[in-house]
Amino acid sequence: MGPRNHLNIHTLDLSGKEVTGHAGILEDCNLPSPVADDTSRFTEMEPGSFEGMAEKFNVRELVPGPGEYDIVVRYHSGISQAWISQHGGSKLGALPIRTSEIPK
């Protein structure tokens, strides 16, 4: 299996303890691995920009009940520099890709 990208959603109560909601809302998003030298799925982005899609859901799906919560979303690239060197090819190797070595 190839590298994966990870989008994690965490809900924390006021004490900082992670809590769960009532539904199995998207907790981890796995994307297909890039193909060697195929740069078509990569987009150069300016700092502070966003490219993606919106998923509509009710916040009640993330929390166990009434109260105050913090919702934290983290993205971590599953593509490492080593994977690019071994499988990505020269075209992917030349791109400034956010790799797994960069902190979450």
Protein backbone atom coordinates (compact mmCIF):
# COMPACT_ATOMS: atom_id res chain seq x y z
CA MET A 1 0.00 0.00 0.00
CA GLY A 2 1.31 3.47 -0.84
CA PRO A 3 1.41 6.67 1.18
CA ARG A 4 -1.77 8.23 2.57
CA ASN A 5 -2.86 11.74 3.50
CA HIS A 6 -4.61 12.12 6.82
CA LEU A 7 -7.28 14.58 7.89
CA ASN A 8 -8.20 14.06 11.55
CA ILE A 9 -11.02 15.76 13.45
CA HIS A 10 -10.76 15.83 17.27
CA THR A 11 -13.44 17.13 19.68
CA LEU A 12 -12.21 18.20 23.13
CA ASP A 13 -14.24 19.13 26.21
CA LEU A 14 -13.27 22.11 28.40
CA SER A 15 -10.81 19.97 30.39
CA GLY A 16 -8.99 19.02 27.15
CA LYS A 17 -10.25 15.43 27.16
CA GLU A 18 -11.13 14.01 23.73
CA VAL A 19 -14.80 13.11 23.41
CA THR A 20 -16.86 11.44 20.69
CA GLY A 21 -20.14 12.34 19.11
CA HIS A 22 -23.16 10.35 18.06
CA ALA A 23 -22.21 9.45 14.49
CA GLY A 24 -19.22 8.07 12.61
CA ILE A 25 -18.39 11.42 10.99
CA LEU A 26 -15.33 11.54 8.76
CA GLU A 27 -12.34 11.05 11.04
CA ASP A 28 -9.67 10.11 8.54
CA CYS A 29 -9.47 10.84 4.84
CA ASN A 30 -7.32 8.54 2.70
CA LEU A 31 -6.39 9.60 -0.82
CA PRO A 32 -4.94 7.40 -3.56
CA SER A 33 -1.17 7.38 -3.97
CA PRO A 34 0.37 9.56 -6.68
CA VAL A 35 1.67 7.87 -9.81
CA ALA A 36 5.36 8.32 -10.72
CA ASP A 37 5.94 11.53 -12.71
CA ASP A 38 2.20 12.39 -12.74
CA THR A 39 2.03 15.97 -11.48
CA SER A 40 -1.59 16.52 -12.58
CA ARG A 41 -3.02 16.04 -9.06
CA PHE A 42 -0.73 18.62 -7.48
CA THR A 43 -1.58 22.33 -7.33
CA GLU A 44 0.79 25.11 -6.29
CA MET A 45 -0.82 27.11 -3.51
CA GLU A 46 -0.10 30.50 -2.00
CA PRO A 47 0.39 30.71 1.78
CA GLY A 48 -2.96 30.95 3.56
CA SER A 49 -4.89 29.58 0.58
CA PHE A 50 -7.23 26.59 0.55
CA GLU A 51 -8.18 24.05 -2.07
CA GLY A 52 -10.60 21.31 -1.23
CA MET A 53 -14.22 20.46 -0.89
CA ALA A 54 -16.73 21.14 1.84
CA GLU A 55 -18.48 18.34 3.66
CA LYS A 56 -21.73 19.42 5.32
CA PHE A 57 -22.56 17.89 8.67
CA ASN A 58 -24.29 18.92 11.85
CA VAL A 59 -21.94 19.84 14.70
CA ARG A 60 -24.08 17.57 16.93
CA GLU A 61 -22.46 14.66 15.10
CA LEU A 62 -19.11 15.64 16.67
CA VAL A 63 -20.15 16.31 20.27
CA PRO A 64 -21.73 14.02 22.90
CA GLY A 65 -24.27 16.62 24.08
CA PRO A 66 -24.81 20.26 25.06
CA GLY A 67 -21.76 22.13 26.33
CA GLU A 68 -18.64 23.94 25.17
CA TYR A 69 -16.07 22.13 23.03
CA ASP A 70 -12.98 22.77 20.96
CA ILE A 71 -12.87 21.15 17.53
CA VAL A 72 -9.35 20.60 16.22
CA VAL A 73 -8.62 19.52 12.65
CA ARG A 74 -5.14 18.31 11.69
CA TYR A 75 -3.72 17.45 8.29
CA HIS A 76 -0.62 15.32 7.89
CA SER A 77 0.84 14.39 4.53
CA GLY A 78 1.51 10.70 4.03
CA ILE A 79 4.05 11.35 1.27
CA SER A 80 7.65 11.25 2.53
CA GLN A 81 10.79 12.56 0.86
CA ALA A 82 12.03 8.95 0.77
CA TRP A 83 8.86 7.82 -1.07
CA ILE A 84 9.26 10.62 -3.62
CA SER A 85 12.90 9.66 -4.15
CA GLN A 86 12.08 5.98 -4.58
CA HIS A 87 8.71 6.06 -6.42
CA GLY A 88 7.80 9.61 -7.41
CA GLY A 89 10.08 10.16 -10.36
CA SER A 90 12.00 13.28 -11.35
CA LYS A 91 8.90 15.44 -12.04
CA LEU A 92 7.44 14.87 -8.56
CA GLY A 93 10.90 15.21 -7.04
CA ALA A 94 11.16 18.73 -8.48
CA LEU A 95 7.89 19.92 -6.89
CA PRO A 96 7.78 21.71 -3.49
CA ILE A 97 5.50 19.06 -1.92
CA ARG A 98 4.46 19.24 1.74
CA THR A 99 5.86 15.92 2.92
CA SER A 100 5.39 13.91 6.11
CA GLU A 101 8.62 15.32 7.50
CA ILE A 102 6.87 18.69 7.92
CA PRO A 103 5.04 18.81 11.30
CA LYS A 104 1.25 18.46 11.45
